[in-house]
Protein backbone atom coordinates (compact mmCIF):
# COMPACT_ATOMS: atom_id res chain seq x y z
CA MET A 1 276.25 -27.98 150.89
CA ARG A 2 278.34 -27.69 154.02
CA THR A 3 277.61 -24.29 155.59
CA ALA A 4 279.47 -22.44 158.35
CA LEU A 5 277.72 -19.82 160.48
CA LEU A 6 280.02 -17.22 162.05
CA GLN A 7 278.27 -16.09 165.23
CA SER A 8 280.26 -13.00 166.18
CA SER A 9 279.96 -9.25 166.58
CA GLY A 10 283.52 -8.90 165.34
CA ARG A 11 285.22 -5.59 166.13
CA PRO A 12 282.56 -2.83 166.03
CA GLY A 13 283.88 0.26 164.29
CA SER A 14 286.89 -1.48 162.70
CA VAL A 15 286.50 -2.71 159.13
CA GLU A 16 290.12 -3.86 159.15
CA GLY A 17 289.56 -5.82 162.35
CA ASN A 18 286.40 -7.45 161.02
CA LEU A 19 288.11 -8.47 157.79
CA LYS A 20 290.73 -10.24 159.92
CA VAL A 21 288.00 -12.06 161.87
CA LEU A 22 286.35 -13.04 158.58
CA ASP A 23 289.66 -14.23 157.14
CA GLU A 24 290.35 -16.45 160.16
CA ALA A 25 286.81 -17.86 160.08
CA ALA A 26 287.05 -18.54 156.33
CA GLY A 27 290.20 -20.55 156.94
CA ARG A 28 288.50 -22.62 159.62
CA ALA A 29 285.39 -23.08 157.46
CA ALA A 30 287.43 -24.26 154.47
CA ALA A 31 289.44 -26.66 156.64
CA ALA A 32 286.17 -28.20 157.84
CA GLY A 33 284.96 -28.70 154.28
CA ALA A 34 282.43 -25.86 154.17
CA ALA A 35 281.48 -24.41 150.79
CA LEU A 36 279.80 -21.35 152.33
CA LEU A 37 280.57 -19.06 155.26
CA ALA A 38 277.78 -16.74 156.45
CA ALA A 39 278.46 -13.75 158.73
CA PRO A 40 275.94 -11.57 160.61
CA GLU A 41 274.13 -8.35 159.78
CA MET A 42 276.42 -5.30 159.47
CA PHE A 43 279.41 -7.53 160.18
CA LEU A 44 282.00 -5.47 158.31
CA THR A 45 281.49 -2.34 160.43
CA GLY A 46 279.52 -3.24 163.52
CA TYR A 47 275.83 -2.54 164.09
CA ALA A 48 275.49 -0.11 167.01
CA ILE A 49 278.03 2.45 165.77
CA GLY A 50 275.73 5.44 165.26
CA ASP A 51 276.90 8.03 162.75
CA ASP A 52 279.91 5.88 161.88
CA ILE A 53 277.49 3.83 159.78
CA ALA A 54 277.36 6.59 157.17
CA ARG A 55 281.10 7.25 157.46
CA LEU A 56 282.03 3.60 156.91
CA ALA A 57 279.42 2.80 154.29
CA GLU A 58 280.81 1.66 150.93
CA ALA A 59 279.57 0.80 147.47
CA ALA A 60 278.71 -2.83 146.78
CA ASP A 61 281.85 -3.02 144.63
CA GLY A 62 284.03 -0.98 147.00
CA ASP A 63 287.35 -1.75 148.65
CA SER A 64 285.81 -3.94 151.35
CA ALA A 65 283.98 -6.04 148.78
CA ASP A 66 287.31 -6.53 147.00
CA ALA A 67 288.91 -7.55 150.29
CA VAL A 68 286.16 -10.11 150.99
CA ALA A 69 286.50 -11.43 147.43
CA GLU A 70 290.22 -11.92 148.02
CA ILE A 71 289.53 -13.82 151.26
CA ALA A 72 286.92 -16.00 149.55
CA GLY A 73 289.23 -16.79 146.64
CA ARG A 74 292.25 -17.51 148.81
CA HIS A 75 290.35 -19.97 151.03
CA GLY A 76 288.07 -21.36 148.31
CA VAL A 77 284.86 -20.71 150.23
CA ALA A 78 281.86 -18.55 149.32
CA ILE A 79 281.10 -15.75 151.80
CA ALA A 80 277.83 -13.98 152.67
CA TYR A 81 278.19 -10.94 154.92
CA GLY A 82 276.33 -7.86 156.12
CA TYR A 83 277.57 -4.29 155.60
CA PRO A 84 276.31 -0.69 155.17
CA GLU A 85 276.03 0.04 151.47
CA ARG A 86 276.36 3.55 150.07
CA ALA A 87 274.58 4.31 146.81
CA GLY A 88 274.69 8.02 146.02
CA GLU A 89 273.29 9.88 149.02
CA SER A 90 271.50 6.80 150.36
CA VAL A 91 272.77 4.20 152.83
CA PHE A 92 271.25 0.71 152.91
CA ASN A 93 271.56 -2.14 155.39
CA SER A 94 272.83 -4.71 152.90
CA ALA A 95 274.11 -8.26 152.54
CA GLN A 96 276.34 -9.53 149.78
CA LEU A 97 277.22 -13.00 148.54
CA ILE A 98 280.63 -13.62 146.96
CA SER A 99 281.58 -16.92 145.34
CA ALA A 100 284.53 -19.14 146.22
CA ASP A 101 286.39 -17.73 143.24
CA GLY A 102 285.83 -14.14 144.32
CA VAL A 103 282.90 -13.21 142.06
CA ARG A 104 280.12 -10.99 143.43
CA LEU A 105 276.96 -13.08 142.99
CA ALA A 106 274.19 -11.13 144.72
CA ASN A 107 273.57 -8.00 146.77
CA TYR A 108 270.45 -7.46 148.88
CA ARG A 109 269.13 -4.35 150.66
CA LYS A 110 267.04 -4.89 153.80
CA THR A 111 263.40 -4.24 152.96
CA HIS A 112 261.94 -4.05 156.49
CA LEU A 113 263.81 -1.70 158.83
CA PHE A 114 263.54 -2.39 162.56
CA GLY A 115 263.00 0.37 165.11
CA CYS A 116 264.05 3.99 165.29
CA PHE A 117 267.77 3.17 165.05
CA GLU A 118 267.50 1.63 161.60
CA HIS A 119 264.97 4.15 160.30
CA ASP A 120 267.34 6.93 161.36
CA HIS A 121 270.36 5.48 159.53
CA PHE A 122 269.09 3.55 156.49
CA GLU A 123 266.80 3.67 153.50
CA PRO A 124 264.71 0.52 152.91
CA GLY A 125 265.38 -1.71 149.94
CA GLU A 126 262.65 -2.38 147.41
CA GLN A 127 263.58 -5.82 146.01
CA PRO A 128 262.41 -8.62 148.34
CA VAL A 129 263.80 -11.56 146.37
CA VAL A 130 267.50 -11.62 145.46
CA GLN A 131 268.98 -14.98 144.42
CA ALA A 132 272.08 -16.66 143.02
CA ARG A 133 273.16 -20.21 142.18
CA LEU A 134 275.72 -21.73 144.52
CA GLY A 135 276.79 -25.33 145.00
CA GLY A 136 273.86 -26.68 143.01
CA LEU A 137 271.33 -24.73 145.12
CA THR A 138 269.35 -21.56 144.54
CA VAL A 139 270.47 -19.29 147.36
CA GLY A 140 268.52 -16.25 148.54
CA LEU A 141 269.43 -13.33 150.78
CA MET A 142 267.40 -11.62 153.49
CA ILE A 143 268.32 -9.65 156.64
CA CYS A 144 267.08 -10.15 160.22
CA TYR A 145 263.63 -8.52 160.63
CA ASP A 146 262.73 -9.44 157.04
CA VAL A 147 262.35 -13.12 157.97
CA GLU A 148 259.64 -12.24 160.49
CA PHE A 149 257.29 -11.29 157.65
CA PRO A 150 255.75 -14.48 156.24
CA GLU A 151 255.12 -12.86 152.86
CA ASN A 152 258.85 -12.23 152.39
CA VAL A 153 259.88 -15.83 152.93
CA ARG A 154 256.93 -17.18 150.92
CA ALA A 155 258.03 -15.00 148.00
CA HIS A 156 261.41 -16.75 148.13
CA ALA A 157 259.76 -20.16 148.26
CA LEU A 158 257.64 -19.38 145.21
CA ALA A 159 260.72 -18.08 143.39
CA GLY A 160 262.53 -21.38 143.99
CA THR A 161 264.94 -20.50 146.80
CA ASP A 162 266.50 -23.61 148.36
CA LEU A 163 268.70 -21.99 151.01
CA LEU A 164 267.79 -18.61 152.50
CA ILE A 165 270.74 -16.85 154.14
CA VAL A 166 269.68 -14.39 156.85
CA PRO A 167 272.46 -12.26 158.40
CA THR A 168 270.98 -11.05 161.67
CA ALA A 169 271.35 -8.65 164.58
CA GLN A 170 268.73 -10.32 166.79
CA MET A 171 268.53 -8.78 170.24
CA HIS A 172 267.03 -9.48 173.66
CA PRO A 173 264.12 -10.08 174.35
CA PHE A 174 263.27 -11.47 170.91
CA GLN A 175 265.21 -14.73 171.07
CA PHE A 176 262.02 -16.70 170.32
CA VAL A 177 262.58 -15.69 166.68
CA ALA A 178 265.75 -17.80 166.49
CA GLU A 179 264.38 -20.56 168.71
CA SER A 180 260.88 -20.98 167.27
CA LEU A 181 260.02 -18.78 164.30
CA VAL A 182 262.96 -19.60 162.03
CA PRO A 183 262.38 -23.40 162.04
CA VAL A 184 258.69 -22.75 161.30
CA ARG A 185 259.60 -20.49 158.36
CA ALA A 186 261.80 -23.27 156.98
CA TRP A 187 259.03 -25.86 157.42
CA GLU A 188 256.11 -23.86 156.01
CA ASN A 189 258.14 -22.74 152.97
CA GLN A 190 260.07 -25.98 152.38
CA LEU A 191 263.54 -24.49 152.27
CA TYR A 192 266.64 -24.18 154.43
CA VAL A 193 267.12 -21.04 156.53
CA ALA A 194 270.61 -20.08 157.69
CA TYR A 195 270.06 -17.50 160.43
CA VAL A 196 273.40 -16.10 161.64
CA ASN A 197 273.44 -13.65 164.53
CA ARG A 198 275.61 -11.19 166.38
CA VAL A 199 276.32 -11.89 170.05
CA GLY A 200 276.90 -9.96 173.27
CA GLN A 201 276.47 -6.35 174.33
CA GLU A 202 276.95 -3.65 171.72
CA GLY A 203 275.90 -0.11 172.56
CA GLU A 204 272.29 -0.18 173.75
CA PHE A 205 271.67 -3.65 172.33
CA GLU A 206 272.24 -7.13 173.74
CA PHE A 207 272.52 -9.62 170.87
CA VAL A 208 271.38 -13.12 171.80
CA GLY A 209 273.32 -15.42 169.45
CA LEU A 210 271.41 -18.69 168.92
CA SER A 211 272.39 -18.83 165.24
CA THR A 212 270.79 -21.78 163.46
CA LEU A 213 270.47 -23.61 160.18
CA ALA A 214 266.92 -24.96 160.03
CA GLY A 215 265.82 -27.54 157.49
CA PRO A 216 262.59 -27.97 155.50
CA ASP A 217 261.49 -30.55 158.08
CA GLY A 218 261.57 -27.85 160.77
CA VAL A 219 264.61 -29.36 162.47
CA ALA A 220 267.56 -27.18 163.50
CA ARG A 221 270.60 -28.80 161.92
CA ALA A 222 272.90 -26.54 163.93
CA ARG A 223 272.29 -24.33 166.94
CA ALA A 224 274.86 -21.98 168.46
CA GLY A 225 274.80 -20.83 172.07
CA ARG A 226 275.22 -17.33 173.48
CA ALA A 227 278.97 -16.88 172.84
CA GLU A 228 281.14 -16.34 169.78
CA GLU A 229 281.12 -19.56 167.80
CA LEU A 230 281.55 -21.08 164.35
CA VAL A 231 278.94 -23.77 163.76
CA PHE A 232 278.46 -26.11 160.80
CA ALA A 233 275.54 -27.85 159.15
CA ASP A 234 274.59 -29.24 155.75
CA ALA A 235 271.95 -28.01 153.33
CA ASP A 236 271.18 -31.36 151.70
CA PRO A 237 269.46 -31.25 148.27
CA ALA A 238 268.24 -34.85 148.70
CA LEU A 239 266.44 -34.01 151.94
CA LEU A 240 265.01 -30.90 150.32
CA THR A 241 263.57 -32.94 147.45
CA ALA A 242 262.13 -35.60 149.76
CA SER A 243 260.62 -33.04 152.10
CA ARG A 244 258.97 -31.12 149.27
CA GLU A 245 257.47 -34.36 147.94
CA ALA A 246 256.09 -35.24 151.38
CA ASN A 247 254.86 -31.77 152.39
CA PRO A 248 252.13 -30.30 150.13
CA TYR A 249 252.07 -26.77 151.60
CA LEU A 250 253.14 -25.00 148.44
CA THR A 251 251.09 -27.11 146.02
CA ASP A 252 247.96 -26.98 148.21
CA ARG A 253 247.90 -23.20 148.34
CA ARG A 254 244.80 -21.41 146.96
CA PRO A 255 246.17 -17.97 145.99
CA GLY A 256 242.78 -16.79 144.76
CA LEU A 257 241.55 -16.74 148.36
CA TYR A 258 244.36 -14.51 149.60
CA GLY A 259 243.94 -11.41 147.45
CA SER A 260 242.73 -9.34 150.42
CA LEU A 261 246.13 -9.80 152.10
CA VAL A 262 247.79 -7.44 149.63
C-alpha cells in the first residue's frame, strides 16, 4: 500500500489553515498513487499552543472530522491525523483514521503522555490497541511516545497489526528514536511502522523531522530530512509475509517466562 508521510507542523493555532495544508497534501498524495496519507501528532491545531488546546479540542465526530472526511473522499485517499479530542470534560491527544470514501475507521487516544506539557493538558487513553482494515492490511494507531514502550508495539504485533501509523511530535534531542528505535520496533515485531513527525521550532520545542516508514526487515523505506516534506513508501504485504516466515521472533517467544514484567 503506497503511503505518504506529511512531515509538517502546519499552521499552529489555525484549524482552517491546517485543513488547507492537509487538502493540498492529499491532492499530491493521490496524484502519486498513495492510498494513505499520514499527518503528525496534533496536526489539526498545532502542538505547542498551550490553553488553546482545550479551546480547539473537538469530538471525534466533530466539524473537523467531517472536513477531513470530505478531503479524503474528494481525493480518494485515506487520511490519518492527530488532533485534540474532547469527550465531556476530558481532552485527549488523539489520532483518527478516515477511509478514502470518508468513513471514520478508528480513533486512538495516546496512552503514554510525555512530560509536564502533556500531563497538564491531556488525560491518558486506556486502550493500547486500536485497529482497522485498510487496503488489505490491518492498520493500527499509536502516538509518538507510545512507540518507545516495547510492550505497546508488541501488543499490536500479537493482535495482528501489519502497518502501525504513529503521528509524532518528536523533539530535539531525541532524534535517535526516529533514526534507530523505530526501525528496531518494526524488525522485532515484524510489522511496518509509519512514523510521521512535526518539524521546526514551535514554542519551546524544536521538532526534528526525520519521518520514516520502516519495514519488518528493519530497513527504512523512506526517510525525510529536517524540513517540510511529503515522502512516499510502500507497505508491501508480500514482503511482510516473507519476513514473518524468515524471522521467528514472534513464534519463538516464551510468554510464561515474562509474567514478572507485568
